Amino acid sequence: MAVAELIGAAIGVLLLVTVAYLLVGGTLSTAETVVTAQKDITLLHEARLRTSISVTDKEIDNNNLNISITNTGDEIVTDLPHMDVFSFDATNGYEHYTYSTNSGDPNTWQIVRFENDKIHAKELDPGVKMWIQVNLPVGVTPSTVQVTTSNGVSAISQL
């Protein structure tokens, strides 16, 4: 009988140690996940603070709006297909334009060319100017254009 009690006590201690190990491991894993997420958010905020763009040259030609976007910040804008372009006119309100590869479809925009693009090809480095063509819907003559980068930084310009 004494041997059974010893075996039961040993199994109880072993189960207690196993449960404690799982609880501590789960807590440490959760803490590591939270710390990593906080670090990633901090890096995103820092990148956003260093990002700045300006819309400089603007020209409306038929149903196309040609504008240039200059990176005036210290951060490279790399996710160009996820940039959004918006226009506003008093008659039609706001229009949203998404990236397309030379489709010419209304409510899309495409990259025409880069100027001073010497370091990272086809990316908007600091000091680089990118020309885009916005395909306007029929009957839309915008008075304002807004370009928003993938990290939420935007530039607004009157036409």
N, C-alpha and C. Protein backbone atom coordinates (compact mmCIF):
# COMPACT_ATOMS: atom_id res chain seq x y z
N MET A 1 0.81 -1.19 0.00
CA MET A 1 0.00 0.00 0.00
C MET A 1 0.86 1.25 0.00
N ALA A 2 1.94 1.24 0.70
CA ALA A 2 2.81 2.41 0.77
C ALA A 2 3.43 2.70 -0.59
N VAL A 3 3.70 1.62 -1.35
CA VAL A 3 4.28 1.80 -2.68
C VAL A 3 3.28 2.48 -3.60
N ALA A 4 2.00 2.15 -3.49
CA ALA A 4 0.96 2.75 -4.32
C ALA A 4 0.85 4.24 -4.01
N GLU A 5 0.96 4.61 -2.74
CA GLU A 5 0.89 6.03 -2.36
C GLU A 5 2.09 6.79 -2.92
N LEU A 6 3.26 6.16 -2.88
CA LEU A 6 4.46 6.80 -3.42
C LEU A 6 4.34 6.97 -4.94
N ILE A 7 3.84 5.95 -5.59
CA ILE A 7 3.67 6.06 -7.04
C ILE A 7 2.63 7.13 -7.38
N GLY A 8 1.54 7.19 -6.64
CA GLY A 8 0.50 8.21 -6.85
C GLY A 8 1.05 9.61 -6.60
N ALA A 9 1.84 9.75 -5.54
CA ALA A 9 2.43 11.05 -5.25
C ALA A 9 3.41 11.46 -6.35
N ALA A 10 4.20 10.50 -6.85
CA ALA A 10 5.15 10.81 -7.92
C ALA A 10 4.43 11.22 -9.20
N ILE A 11 3.35 10.51 -9.51
CA ILE A 11 2.57 10.88 -10.70
C ILE A 11 1.93 12.25 -10.50
N GLY A 12 1.44 12.54 -9.33
CA GLY A 12 0.85 13.86 -9.02
C GLY A 12 1.87 14.98 -9.19
N VAL A 13 3.09 14.75 -8.66
CA VAL A 13 4.14 15.76 -8.79
C VAL A 13 4.52 15.93 -10.26
N LEU A 14 4.61 14.82 -10.98
CA LEU A 14 4.95 14.88 -12.40
C LEU A 14 3.88 15.65 -13.18
N LEU A 15 2.61 15.40 -12.89
CA LEU A 15 1.52 16.15 -13.54
C LEU A 15 1.57 17.63 -13.17
N LEU A 16 1.87 17.92 -11.92
CA LEU A 16 1.96 19.31 -11.47
C LEU A 16 3.09 20.05 -12.19
N VAL A 17 4.25 19.39 -12.32
CA VAL A 17 5.37 19.99 -13.03
C VAL A 17 5.03 20.18 -14.51
N THR A 18 4.36 19.22 -15.12
CA THR A 18 3.99 19.32 -16.53
C THR A 18 3.02 20.48 -16.76
N VAL A 19 2.01 20.60 -15.91
CA VAL A 19 1.04 21.69 -16.04
C VAL A 19 1.74 23.04 -15.83
N ALA A 20 2.61 23.13 -14.85
CA ALA A 20 3.35 24.37 -14.60
C ALA A 20 4.21 24.73 -15.81
N TYR A 21 4.86 23.72 -16.40
CA TYR A 21 5.69 23.95 -17.58
C TYR A 21 4.84 24.47 -18.74
N LEU A 22 3.68 23.88 -18.96
CA LEU A 22 2.80 24.33 -20.04
C LEU A 22 2.29 25.75 -19.79
N LEU A 23 1.93 26.06 -18.54
CA LEU A 23 1.44 27.41 -18.23
C LEU A 23 2.54 28.46 -18.42
N VAL A 24 3.73 28.17 -17.94
CA VAL A 24 4.84 29.11 -18.08
C VAL A 24 5.21 29.26 -19.56
N GLY A 25 5.25 28.15 -20.29
CA GLY A 25 5.56 28.21 -21.71
C GLY A 25 4.54 29.01 -22.49
N GLY A 26 3.28 28.81 -22.18
CA GLY A 26 2.21 29.58 -22.84
C GLY A 26 2.29 31.06 -22.52
N THR A 27 2.59 31.37 -21.27
CA THR A 27 2.72 32.78 -20.87
C THR A 27 3.89 33.44 -21.57
N LEU A 28 5.03 32.76 -21.63
CA LEU A 28 6.20 33.31 -22.30
C LEU A 28 5.96 33.46 -23.81
N SER A 29 5.30 32.51 -24.40
CA SER A 29 4.99 32.59 -25.83
C SER A 29 4.06 33.76 -26.12
N THR A 30 3.05 33.96 -25.30
CA THR A 30 2.13 35.09 -25.46
C THR A 30 2.85 36.41 -25.28
N ALA A 31 3.71 36.49 -24.28
CA ALA A 31 4.46 37.72 -24.05
C ALA A 31 5.37 38.04 -25.23
N GLU A 32 6.01 37.03 -25.80
CA GLU A 32 6.88 37.24 -26.96
C GLU A 32 6.07 37.73 -28.16
N THR A 33 4.89 37.17 -28.36
CA THR A 33 4.03 37.60 -29.47
C THR A 33 3.61 39.06 -29.30
N VAL A 34 3.25 39.45 -28.09
CA VAL A 34 2.84 40.84 -27.83
C VAL A 34 4.01 41.79 -28.05
N VAL A 35 5.18 41.44 -27.57
CA VAL A 35 6.36 42.30 -27.73
C VAL A 35 6.70 42.46 -29.21
N THR A 36 6.64 41.38 -29.97
CA THR A 36 6.93 41.44 -31.40
C THR A 36 5.92 42.32 -32.12
N ALA A 37 4.65 42.19 -31.77
CA ALA A 37 3.61 43.02 -32.39
C ALA A 37 3.82 44.50 -32.06
N GLN A 38 4.17 44.80 -30.83
CA GLN A 38 4.41 46.19 -30.44
C GLN A 38 5.62 46.75 -31.19
N LYS A 39 6.65 45.94 -31.37
CA LYS A 39 7.84 46.38 -32.10
C LYS A 39 7.48 46.67 -33.56
N ASP A 40 6.69 45.80 -34.18
CA ASP A 40 6.29 46.00 -35.57
C ASP A 40 5.45 47.28 -35.73
N ILE A 41 4.54 47.52 -34.81
CA ILE A 41 3.71 48.73 -34.86
C ILE A 41 4.58 49.97 -34.70
N THR A 42 5.55 49.91 -33.81
CA THR A 42 6.46 51.04 -33.62
C THR A 42 7.24 51.33 -34.89
N LEU A 43 7.74 50.28 -35.56
CA LEU A 43 8.47 50.47 -36.81
C LEU A 43 7.58 51.07 -37.90
N LEU A 44 6.32 50.64 -37.96
CA LEU A 44 5.39 51.21 -38.94
C LEU A 44 5.13 52.69 -38.67
N HIS A 45 4.98 53.05 -37.38
CA HIS A 45 4.76 54.45 -37.03
C HIS A 45 5.98 55.30 -37.36
N GLU A 46 7.16 54.77 -37.10
CA GLU A 46 8.38 55.50 -37.44
C GLU A 46 8.50 55.71 -38.94
N ALA A 47 8.20 54.68 -39.72
CA ALA A 47 8.25 54.80 -41.18
C ALA A 47 7.24 55.83 -41.66
N ARG A 48 6.08 55.85 -41.05
CA ARG A 48 5.05 56.82 -41.45
C ARG A 48 5.49 58.24 -41.13
N LEU A 49 6.15 58.43 -40.00
CA LEU A 49 6.62 59.76 -39.64
C LEU A 49 7.69 60.27 -40.61
N ARG A 50 8.47 59.37 -41.18
CA ARG A 50 9.54 59.77 -42.10
C ARG A 50 9.06 59.86 -43.55
N THR A 51 7.81 59.51 -43.82
CA THR A 51 7.27 59.54 -45.17
C THR A 51 6.60 60.88 -45.44
N SER A 52 6.91 61.45 -46.59
CA SER A 52 6.27 62.69 -47.00
C SER A 52 6.30 62.74 -48.53
N ILE A 53 5.17 63.10 -49.13
CA ILE A 53 5.09 63.23 -50.58
C ILE A 53 4.43 64.55 -50.92
N SER A 54 4.64 65.00 -52.14
CA SER A 54 3.94 66.20 -52.61
C SER A 54 3.52 65.99 -54.06
N VAL A 55 2.37 66.53 -54.40
CA VAL A 55 1.87 66.50 -55.77
C VAL A 55 2.24 67.84 -56.38
N THR A 56 3.07 67.80 -57.42
CA THR A 56 3.58 69.07 -57.95
C THR A 56 2.96 69.41 -59.30
N ASP A 57 3.37 68.78 -60.37
CA ASP A 57 2.89 69.13 -61.70
C ASP A 57 1.57 68.43 -61.98
N LYS A 58 0.62 69.20 -62.56
CA LYS A 58 -0.71 68.65 -62.85
C LYS A 58 -1.17 69.13 -64.22
N GLU A 59 -1.76 68.21 -64.97
CA GLU A 59 -2.27 68.57 -66.30
C GLU A 59 -3.41 67.64 -66.67
N ILE A 60 -4.53 68.21 -67.11
CA ILE A 60 -5.65 67.41 -67.59
C ILE A 60 -5.62 67.41 -69.11
N ASP A 61 -5.60 66.21 -69.70
CA ASP A 61 -5.54 66.05 -71.15
C ASP A 61 -6.61 65.04 -71.55
N ASN A 62 -7.66 65.48 -72.24
CA ASN A 62 -8.82 64.64 -72.58
C ASN A 62 -9.41 64.07 -71.30
N ASN A 63 -9.48 62.76 -71.17
CA ASN A 63 -9.99 62.14 -69.95
C ASN A 63 -8.86 61.59 -69.09
N ASN A 64 -7.67 62.20 -69.20
CA ASN A 64 -6.53 61.76 -68.41
C ASN A 64 -6.00 62.91 -67.57
N LEU A 65 -5.66 62.60 -66.36
CA LEU A 65 -5.03 63.56 -65.46
C LEU A 65 -3.59 63.09 -65.26
N ASN A 66 -2.63 63.90 -65.67
CA ASN A 66 -1.22 63.58 -65.51
C ASN A 66 -0.67 64.40 -64.35
N ILE A 67 -0.14 63.71 -63.34
CA ILE A 67 0.41 64.39 -62.18
C ILE A 67 1.76 63.79 -61.83
N SER A 68 2.57 64.60 -61.15
CA SER A 68 3.86 64.09 -60.66
C SER A 68 3.82 64.08 -59.14
N ILE A 69 4.41 63.04 -58.59
CA ILE A 69 4.48 62.85 -57.13
C ILE A 69 5.96 62.82 -56.77
N THR A 70 6.36 63.69 -55.85
CA THR A 70 7.74 63.76 -55.42
C THR A 70 7.84 63.30 -53.98
N ASN A 71 8.81 62.42 -53.70
CA ASN A 71 9.05 61.97 -52.34
C ASN A 71 9.88 63.03 -51.64
N THR A 72 9.28 63.76 -50.71
CA THR A 72 9.97 64.82 -49.98
C THR A 72 10.37 64.38 -48.59
N GLY A 73 10.17 63.12 -48.27
CA GLY A 73 10.53 62.61 -46.94
C GLY A 73 11.84 61.86 -46.97
N ASP A 74 12.07 61.06 -45.92
CA ASP A 74 13.30 60.28 -45.77
C ASP A 74 13.07 58.79 -45.94
N GLU A 75 11.86 58.37 -46.19
CA GLU A 75 11.52 56.95 -46.29
C GLU A 75 11.25 56.58 -47.74
N ILE A 76 11.67 55.39 -48.16
CA ILE A 76 11.41 54.91 -49.50
C ILE A 76 9.96 54.42 -49.57
N VAL A 77 9.22 54.84 -50.59
CA VAL A 77 7.86 54.35 -50.82
C VAL A 77 7.97 53.22 -51.84
N THR A 78 7.77 51.99 -51.36
CA THR A 78 8.01 50.82 -52.21
C THR A 78 6.73 50.16 -52.70
N ASP A 79 5.66 50.26 -51.97
CA ASP A 79 4.43 49.54 -52.29
C ASP A 79 3.54 50.40 -53.19
N LEU A 80 4.03 50.72 -54.37
CA LEU A 80 3.32 51.64 -55.26
C LEU A 80 1.97 51.13 -55.74
N PRO A 81 1.79 49.84 -56.04
CA PRO A 81 0.45 49.39 -56.47
C PRO A 81 -0.63 49.58 -55.41
N HIS A 82 -0.26 49.75 -54.15
CA HIS A 82 -1.26 49.95 -53.11
C HIS A 82 -1.46 51.42 -52.76
N MET A 83 -0.92 52.31 -53.58
CA MET A 83 -1.22 53.73 -53.43
C MET A 83 -2.61 53.98 -53.99
N ASP A 84 -3.32 54.91 -53.38
CA ASP A 84 -4.65 55.28 -53.85
C ASP A 84 -4.65 56.72 -54.31
N VAL A 85 -5.41 56.99 -55.34
CA VAL A 85 -5.58 58.34 -55.86
C VAL A 85 -7.06 58.67 -55.77
N PHE A 86 -7.36 59.86 -55.26
CA PHE A 86 -8.74 60.34 -55.15
C PHE A 86 -8.84 61.68 -55.86
N SER A 87 -9.98 61.95 -56.44
CA SER A 87 -10.24 63.27 -57.01
C SER A 87 -11.59 63.76 -56.50
N PHE A 88 -11.76 65.07 -56.57
CA PHE A 88 -13.03 65.66 -56.15
C PHE A 88 -13.43 66.71 -57.16
N ASP A 89 -14.70 66.69 -57.53
CA ASP A 89 -15.30 67.80 -58.26
C ASP A 89 -16.70 68.03 -57.71
N ALA A 90 -17.17 69.26 -57.82
CA ALA A 90 -18.43 69.64 -57.18
C ALA A 90 -19.62 68.87 -57.73
N THR A 91 -19.58 68.46 -58.99
CA THR A 91 -20.72 67.77 -59.60
C THR A 91 -20.79 66.30 -59.19
N ASN A 92 -19.68 65.59 -59.28
CA ASN A 92 -19.67 64.14 -59.05
C ASN A 92 -19.17 63.72 -57.68
N GLY A 93 -18.63 64.64 -56.91
CA GLY A 93 -18.12 64.30 -55.58
C GLY A 93 -16.75 63.64 -55.69
N TYR A 94 -16.51 62.68 -54.81
CA TYR A 94 -15.21 62.01 -54.76
C TYR A 94 -15.18 60.81 -55.69
N GLU A 95 -14.05 60.62 -56.34
CA GLU A 95 -13.80 59.45 -57.19
C GLU A 95 -12.54 58.77 -56.67
N HIS A 96 -12.55 57.44 -56.64
CA HIS A 96 -11.40 56.64 -56.19
C HIS A 96 -10.79 55.93 -57.38
N TYR A 97 -9.46 55.98 -57.49
CA TYR A 97 -8.74 55.36 -58.59
C TYR A 97 -7.75 54.33 -58.04
N THR A 98 -7.72 53.15 -58.62
CA THR A 98 -6.82 52.09 -58.18
C THR A 98 -5.75 51.84 -59.24
N TYR A 99 -4.67 51.21 -58.83
CA TYR A 99 -3.54 50.94 -59.71
C TYR A 99 -3.91 49.92 -60.78
N SER A 100 -3.41 50.15 -61.98
CA SER A 100 -3.59 49.23 -63.09
C SER A 100 -2.33 49.31 -63.95
N THR A 101 -2.07 48.28 -64.72
CA THR A 101 -0.89 48.29 -65.59
C THR A 101 -1.30 48.67 -67.00
N ASN A 102 -1.31 49.98 -67.27
CA ASN A 102 -1.60 50.53 -68.59
C ASN A 102 -2.91 50.05 -69.20
N SER A 103 -3.94 49.91 -68.38
CA SER A 103 -5.20 49.41 -68.92
C SER A 103 -6.01 50.49 -69.62
N GLY A 104 -5.93 51.72 -69.13
CA GLY A 104 -6.74 52.80 -69.70
C GLY A 104 -8.18 52.77 -69.24
N ASP A 105 -8.53 51.81 -68.39
CA ASP A 105 -9.90 51.74 -67.88
C ASP A 105 -10.19 52.94 -66.99
N PRO A 106 -11.43 53.45 -67.00
CA PRO A 106 -11.77 54.55 -66.09
C PRO A 106 -11.57 54.13 -64.63
N ASN A 107 -11.31 55.11 -63.79
CA ASN A 107 -11.09 54.91 -62.35
C ASN A 107 -9.85 54.08 -62.05
N THR A 108 -8.85 54.14 -62.92
CA THR A 108 -7.57 53.49 -62.66
C THR A 108 -6.45 54.51 -62.88
N TRP A 109 -5.28 54.15 -62.40
CA TRP A 109 -4.08 54.97 -62.66
C TRP A 109 -2.91 54.05 -62.94
N GLN A 110 -1.92 54.55 -63.65
CA GLN A 110 -0.72 53.77 -63.93
C GLN A 110 0.50 54.68 -63.89
N ILE A 111 1.66 54.07 -63.67
CA ILE A 111 2.91 54.79 -63.61
C ILE A 111 3.39 55.05 -65.05
N VAL A 112 3.77 56.29 -65.33
CA VAL A 112 4.26 56.65 -66.66
C VAL A 112 5.79 56.58 -66.68
N ARG A 113 6.43 57.27 -65.71
CA ARG A 113 7.90 57.27 -65.68
C ARG A 113 8.40 57.80 -64.34
N PHE A 114 9.71 57.63 -64.14
CA PHE A 114 10.40 58.14 -62.96
C PHE A 114 11.48 59.12 -63.41
N GLU A 115 11.75 60.12 -62.58
CA GLU A 115 12.85 61.05 -62.82
C GLU A 115 13.81 60.97 -61.63
N ASN A 116 15.10 61.01 -61.91
CA ASN A 116 16.16 60.92 -60.88
C ASN A 116 16.14 59.60 -60.15
N ASP A 117 15.71 58.54 -60.81
CA ASP A 117 15.60 57.22 -60.18
C ASP A 117 16.92 56.47 -60.37
N LYS A 118 17.87 56.73 -59.48
CA LYS A 118 19.20 56.17 -59.64
C LYS A 118 19.52 55.04 -58.67
N ILE A 119 18.89 54.98 -57.53
CA ILE A 119 19.27 54.00 -56.51
C ILE A 119 18.41 52.75 -56.58
N HIS A 120 17.15 52.84 -56.24
CA HIS A 120 16.24 51.70 -56.29
C HIS A 120 15.32 51.89 -57.49
N ALA A 121 15.50 51.07 -58.50
CA ALA A 121 14.72 51.23 -59.72
C ALA A 121 13.24 51.00 -59.46
N LYS A 122 12.43 51.90 -60.02
CA LYS A 122 10.96 51.83 -59.96
C LYS A 122 10.42 51.84 -58.53
N GLU A 123 11.12 52.54 -57.65
CA GLU A 123 10.64 52.81 -56.30
C GLU A 123 10.76 54.30 -56.06
N LEU A 124 9.94 54.83 -55.19
CA LEU A 124 9.91 56.26 -54.94
C LEU A 124 10.86 56.59 -53.80
N ASP A 125 12.15 56.74 -54.15
CA ASP A 125 13.17 57.10 -53.17
C ASP A 125 13.04 58.57 -52.81
N PRO A 126 13.66 59.00 -51.71
CA PRO A 126 13.66 60.43 -51.39
C PRO A 126 14.27 61.24 -52.53
N GLY A 127 13.58 62.29 -52.95
CA GLY A 127 14.04 63.15 -54.03
C GLY A 127 13.64 62.70 -55.41
N VAL A 128 13.04 61.53 -55.56
CA VAL A 128 12.64 61.00 -56.86
C VAL A 128 11.24 61.52 -57.20
N LYS A 129 11.04 61.83 -58.48
CA LYS A 129 9.73 62.27 -58.97
C LYS A 129 9.14 61.17 -59.84
N MET A 130 7.89 60.83 -59.59
CA MET A 130 7.19 59.80 -60.34
C MET A 130 6.00 60.45 -61.05
N TRP A 131 5.87 60.20 -62.33
CA TRP A 131 4.73 60.68 -63.10
C TRP A 131 3.70 59.57 -63.23
N ILE A 132 2.44 59.89 -62.95
CA ILE A 132 1.36 58.91 -63.11
C ILE A 132 0.27 59.50 -64.00
N GLN A 133 -0.48 58.61 -64.63
CA GLN A 133 -1.62 59.01 -65.44
C GLN A 133 -2.87 58.44 -64.81
N VAL A 134 -3.82 59.32 -64.50
CA VAL A 134 -5.10 58.92 -63.91
C VAL A 134 -6.14 58.93 -65.00
N ASN A 135 -6.83 57.80 -65.18
CA ASN A 135 -7.87 57.68 -66.21
C ASN A 135 -9.21 58.11 -65.61
N LEU A 136 -9.64 59.30 -65.99
CA LEU A 136 -10.86 59.87 -65.43
C LEU A 136 -12.10 59.28 -66.11
N PRO A 137 -13.19 59.13 -65.35
CA PRO A 137 -14.45 58.74 -65.99
C PRO A 137 -14.97 59.88 -66.87
N VAL A 138 -15.82 59.56 -67.82
CA VAL A 138 -16.37 60.56 -68.72
C VAL A 138 -17.17 61.58 -67.90
N GLY A 139 -16.95 62.84 -68.17
CA GLY A 139 -17.70 63.90 -67.51
C GLY A 139 -17.12 64.36 -66.19
N VAL A 140 -16.00 63.84 -65.78
CA VAL A 140 -15.39 64.24 -64.51
C VAL A 140 -14.24 65.19 -64.81
N THR A 141 -14.32 66.38 -64.24
CA THR A 141 -13.22 67.35 -64.30
C THR A 141 -12.89 67.73 -62.87
N PRO A 142 -11.90 67.07 -62.28
CA PRO A 142 -11.63 67.28 -60.85
C PRO A 142 -11.05 68.66 -60.56
N SER A 143 -11.35 69.14 -59.35
CA SER A 143 -10.77 70.40 -58.88
C SER A 143 -9.68 70.13 -57.85
N THR A 144 -9.70 68.93 -57.26
CA THR A 144 -8.71 68.55 -56.25
C THR A 144 -8.29 67.11 -56.48
N VAL A 145 -7.01 66.82 -56.24
CA VAL A 145 -6.51 65.46 -56.32
C VAL A 145 -5.74 65.15 -55.04
N GLN A 146 -5.92 63.91 -54.56
CA GLN A 146 -5.22 63.45 -53.36
C GLN A 146 -4.56 62.12 -53.66
N VAL A 147 -3.30 61.98 -53.28
CA VAL A 147 -2.55 60.74 -53.43
C VAL A 147 -2.22 60.24 -52.03
N THR A 148 -2.54 58.96 -51.76
CA THR A 148 -2.30 58.37 -50.44
C THR A 148 -1.41 57.15 -50.60
N THR A 149 -0.31 57.11 -49.84
CA THR A 149 0.61 55.98 -49.90
C THR A 149 0.03 54.80 -49.14
N SER A 150 0.69 53.65 -49.25
CA SER A 150 0.19 52.45 -48.59
C SER A 150 0.27 52.54 -47.07
N ASN A 151 1.11 53.42 -46.53
CA ASN A 151 1.18 53.55 -45.07
C ASN A 151 0.33 54.71 -44.55
N GLY A 152 -0.50 55.30 -45.41
CA GLY A 152 -1.48 56.28 -44.96
C GLY A 152 -1.08 57.73 -45.09
N VAL A 153 0.09 58.04 -45.58
CA VAL A 153 0.52 59.42 -45.76
C VAL A 153 -0.05 59.94 -47.07
N SER A 154 -0.60 61.15 -47.05
CA SER A 154 -1.24 61.66 -48.27
C SER A 154 -0.80 63.08 -48.58
N ALA A 155 -1.03 63.46 -49.83
CA ALA A 155 -0.77 64.81 -50.30
C ALA A 155 -1.98 65.24 -51.12
N ILE A 156 -2.42 66.47 -50.90
CA ILE A 156 -3.59 67.03 -51.59
C ILE A 156 -3.15 68.24 -52.39
N SER A 157 -3.70 68.38 -53.59
CA SER A 157 -3.35 69.51 -54.43
C SER A 157 -4.58 69.99 -55.20
N GLN A 158 -4.69 71.29 -55.34
CA GLN A 158 -5.74 71.89 -56.16
C GLN A 158 -5.31 71.85 -57.62
N LEU A 159 -6.25 71.62 -58.52
CA LEU A 159 -5.93 71.59 -59.95
C LEU A 159 -6.23 72.94 -60.58
